[in-house]
Amino acid sequence: MFRWIAEKVYNFVNNNLNLVFAFAIVGIIFAIVGHYGSCGFHLGWFLFFELPLYIFCGWAIYVIIKMLKNIK
């Protein structure tokens, strides 16, 4: 039963990769907005911690997309 579910999820993700990444990006944006809504915005934290973190995460997503395009 778990194998059947895993195959369904695997096929869905492989066939709808753009949709999965779109949901991931929307989720990340909602998490950022929720974080600032609950904790407030602090320029120092943003410039020296959060902005480099967002840049690194964006770079990682870019590398993953590039890698997946080369595989297919």
N, C-alpha and C. Protein backbone atom coordinates (compact mmCIF):
# COMPACT_ATOMS: atom_id res chain seq x y z
N MET A 1 0.83 -1.19 0.00
CA MET A 1 0.00 0.00 0.00
C MET A 1 0.87 1.26 0.00
N PHE A 2 1.93 1.27 0.81
CA PHE A 2 2.80 2.45 0.85
C PHE A 2 3.52 2.64 -0.48
N ARG A 3 3.88 1.56 -1.11
CA ARG A 3 4.54 1.66 -2.41
C ARG A 3 3.59 2.27 -3.44
N TRP A 4 2.33 1.88 -3.41
CA TRP A 4 1.35 2.42 -4.34
C TRP A 4 1.19 3.93 -4.13
N ILE A 5 1.10 4.36 -2.87
CA ILE A 5 0.99 5.79 -2.56
C ILE A 5 2.24 6.53 -3.00
N ALA A 6 3.41 5.95 -2.73
CA ALA A 6 4.67 6.59 -3.10
C ALA A 6 4.79 6.73 -4.61
N GLU A 7 4.35 5.73 -5.36
CA GLU A 7 4.40 5.82 -6.82
C GLU A 7 3.46 6.91 -7.33
N LYS A 8 2.29 7.03 -6.74
CA LYS A 8 1.35 8.08 -7.14
C LYS A 8 1.93 9.47 -6.87
N VAL A 9 2.51 9.65 -5.68
CA VAL A 9 3.11 10.95 -5.34
C VAL A 9 4.30 11.24 -6.25
N TYR A 10 5.15 10.24 -6.49
CA TYR A 10 6.32 10.41 -7.35
C TYR A 10 5.91 10.80 -8.76
N ASN A 11 4.91 10.13 -9.31
CA ASN A 11 4.44 10.46 -10.66
C ASN A 11 3.83 11.85 -10.71
N PHE A 12 3.06 12.22 -9.68
CA PHE A 12 2.46 13.56 -9.66
C PHE A 12 3.54 14.64 -9.63
N VAL A 13 4.55 14.46 -8.78
CA VAL A 13 5.61 15.47 -8.67
C VAL A 13 6.40 15.55 -9.97
N ASN A 14 6.73 14.43 -10.58
CA ASN A 14 7.49 14.45 -11.82
C ASN A 14 6.71 15.03 -12.98
N ASN A 15 5.41 14.79 -13.02
CA ASN A 15 4.59 15.30 -14.12
C ASN A 15 4.19 16.77 -13.92
N ASN A 16 4.20 17.26 -12.69
CA ASN A 16 3.76 18.62 -12.39
C ASN A 16 4.84 19.38 -11.62
N LEU A 17 6.06 19.31 -12.07
CA LEU A 17 7.17 19.91 -11.33
C LEU A 17 7.02 21.43 -11.22
N ASN A 18 6.54 22.09 -12.26
CA ASN A 18 6.35 23.54 -12.19
C ASN A 18 5.30 23.91 -11.15
N LEU A 19 4.24 23.13 -11.06
CA LEU A 19 3.20 23.38 -10.06
C LEU A 19 3.74 23.19 -8.64
N VAL A 20 4.55 22.17 -8.44
CA VAL A 20 5.13 21.91 -7.12
C VAL A 20 6.04 23.07 -6.72
N PHE A 21 6.88 23.54 -7.64
CA PHE A 21 7.76 24.67 -7.33
C PHE A 21 6.95 25.95 -7.10
N ALA A 22 5.86 26.14 -7.83
CA ALA A 22 5.03 27.32 -7.62
C ALA A 22 4.42 27.30 -6.22
N PHE A 23 3.92 26.14 -5.79
CA PHE A 23 3.38 26.02 -4.43
C PHE A 23 4.47 26.26 -3.39
N ALA A 24 5.67 25.78 -3.66
CA ALA A 24 6.77 25.99 -2.72
C ALA A 24 7.11 27.47 -2.60
N ILE A 25 7.17 28.17 -3.70
CA ILE A 25 7.51 29.60 -3.68
C ILE A 25 6.41 30.40 -2.98
N VAL A 26 5.15 30.07 -3.28
CA VAL A 26 4.04 30.75 -2.60
C VAL A 26 4.08 30.48 -1.10
N GLY A 27 4.39 29.25 -0.71
CA GLY A 27 4.51 28.91 0.71
C GLY A 27 5.62 29.68 1.39
N ILE A 28 6.75 29.82 0.71
CA ILE A 28 7.88 30.58 1.27
C ILE A 28 7.49 32.05 1.44
N ILE A 29 6.81 32.61 0.47
CA ILE A 29 6.38 34.02 0.56
C ILE A 29 5.40 34.19 1.72
N PHE A 30 4.45 33.27 1.87
CA PHE A 30 3.51 33.35 2.98
C PHE A 30 4.22 33.23 4.33
N ALA A 31 5.24 32.37 4.40
CA ALA A 31 6.00 32.22 5.64
C ALA A 31 6.74 33.50 5.99
N ILE A 32 7.30 34.17 4.99
CA ILE A 32 8.02 35.42 5.22
C ILE A 32 7.05 36.50 5.70
N VAL A 33 5.91 36.61 5.04
CA VAL A 33 4.91 37.61 5.44
C VAL A 33 4.40 37.32 6.85
N GLY A 34 4.15 36.06 7.16
CA GLY A 34 3.71 35.69 8.51
C GLY A 34 4.76 35.99 9.56
N HIS A 35 6.01 35.76 9.21
CA HIS A 35 7.11 36.05 10.15
C HIS A 35 7.16 37.54 10.46
N TYR A 36 7.10 38.37 9.42
CA TYR A 36 7.15 39.81 9.66
C TYR A 36 5.88 40.31 10.33
N GLY A 37 4.74 39.67 10.06
CA GLY A 37 3.50 40.07 10.71
C GLY A 37 3.50 39.78 12.21
N SER A 38 4.14 38.69 12.61
CA SER A 38 4.13 38.35 14.03
C SER A 38 5.30 38.95 14.80
N CYS A 39 6.46 39.09 14.15
CA CYS A 39 7.66 39.58 14.86
C CYS A 39 8.01 41.02 14.54
N GLY A 40 7.46 41.56 13.50
CA GLY A 40 7.81 42.91 13.09
C GLY A 40 9.06 42.90 12.21
N PHE A 41 9.34 44.05 11.63
CA PHE A 41 10.48 44.18 10.72
C PHE A 41 11.59 44.95 11.41
N HIS A 42 12.80 44.41 11.37
CA HIS A 42 13.97 45.07 11.94
C HIS A 42 15.03 45.12 10.85
N LEU A 43 15.44 46.32 10.47
CA LEU A 43 16.34 46.50 9.35
C LEU A 43 17.68 45.80 9.54
N GLY A 44 18.24 45.85 10.73
CA GLY A 44 19.53 45.21 10.99
C GLY A 44 19.47 43.70 10.81
N TRP A 45 18.46 43.06 11.38
CA TRP A 45 18.30 41.62 11.22
C TRP A 45 18.09 41.28 9.75
N PHE A 46 17.30 42.11 9.06
CA PHE A 46 17.01 41.82 7.66
C PHE A 46 18.27 41.88 6.81
N LEU A 47 19.06 42.93 6.96
CA LEU A 47 20.24 43.11 6.11
C LEU A 47 21.36 42.12 6.40
N PHE A 48 21.56 41.77 7.65
CA PHE A 48 22.72 40.96 8.00
C PHE A 48 22.41 39.49 8.23
N PHE A 49 21.15 39.12 8.35
CA PHE A 49 20.83 37.70 8.55
C PHE A 49 19.82 37.20 7.52
N GLU A 50 18.67 37.86 7.41
CA GLU A 50 17.60 37.32 6.59
C GLU A 50 17.85 37.48 5.10
N LEU A 51 18.36 38.61 4.66
CA LEU A 51 18.62 38.80 3.23
C LEU A 51 19.65 37.80 2.71
N PRO A 52 20.79 37.59 3.39
CA PRO A 52 21.71 36.54 2.91
C PRO A 52 21.08 35.14 2.91
N LEU A 53 20.22 34.89 3.90
CA LEU A 53 19.52 33.60 3.94
C LEU A 53 18.60 33.44 2.75
N TYR A 54 17.83 34.48 2.41
CA TYR A 54 16.94 34.42 1.26
C TYR A 54 17.73 34.29 -0.04
N ILE A 55 18.85 34.96 -0.14
CA ILE A 55 19.69 34.85 -1.34
C ILE A 55 20.22 33.42 -1.48
N PHE A 56 20.68 32.83 -0.37
CA PHE A 56 21.17 31.46 -0.41
C PHE A 56 20.06 30.49 -0.80
N CYS A 57 18.88 30.66 -0.24
CA CYS A 57 17.76 29.77 -0.57
C CYS A 57 17.36 29.91 -2.04
N GLY A 58 17.36 31.13 -2.54
CA GLY A 58 17.06 31.34 -3.96
C GLY A 58 18.10 30.69 -4.86
N TRP A 59 19.37 30.79 -4.47
CA TRP A 59 20.44 30.15 -5.24
C TRP A 59 20.27 28.63 -5.21
N ALA A 60 19.93 28.07 -4.05
CA ALA A 60 19.74 26.62 -3.94
C ALA A 60 18.59 26.15 -4.82
N ILE A 61 17.50 26.89 -4.84
CA ILE A 61 16.36 26.53 -5.68
C ILE A 61 16.76 26.61 -7.15
N TYR A 62 17.52 27.64 -7.52
CA TYR A 62 17.99 27.78 -8.91
C TYR A 62 18.85 26.58 -9.31
N VAL A 63 19.75 26.16 -8.44
CA VAL A 63 20.63 25.03 -8.75
C VAL A 63 19.81 23.74 -8.88
N ILE A 64 18.81 23.55 -8.02
CA ILE A 64 17.98 22.36 -8.10
C ILE A 64 17.20 22.33 -9.40
N ILE A 65 16.61 23.46 -9.79
CA ILE A 65 15.87 23.52 -11.05
C ILE A 65 16.79 23.24 -12.22
N LYS A 66 17.97 23.84 -12.22
CA LYS A 66 18.95 23.62 -13.28
C LYS A 66 19.36 22.15 -13.35
N MET A 67 19.58 21.53 -12.20
CA MET A 67 19.96 20.13 -12.15
C MET A 67 18.84 19.23 -12.68
N LEU A 68 17.59 19.52 -12.30
CA LEU A 68 16.47 18.71 -12.76
C LEU A 68 16.25 18.84 -14.26
N LYS A 69 16.47 20.02 -14.81
CA LYS A 69 16.34 20.19 -16.26
C LYS A 69 17.41 19.41 -17.00
N ASN A 70 18.62 19.32 -16.44
CA ASN A 70 19.68 18.56 -17.07
C ASN A 70 19.42 17.05 -17.01
N ILE A 71 18.74 16.60 -15.96
CA ILE A 71 18.43 15.17 -15.82
C ILE A 71 17.37 14.75 -16.83
N LYS A 72 16.34 15.57 -16.99
CA LYS A 72 15.26 15.22 -17.92
C LYS A 72 15.68 15.56 -19.30
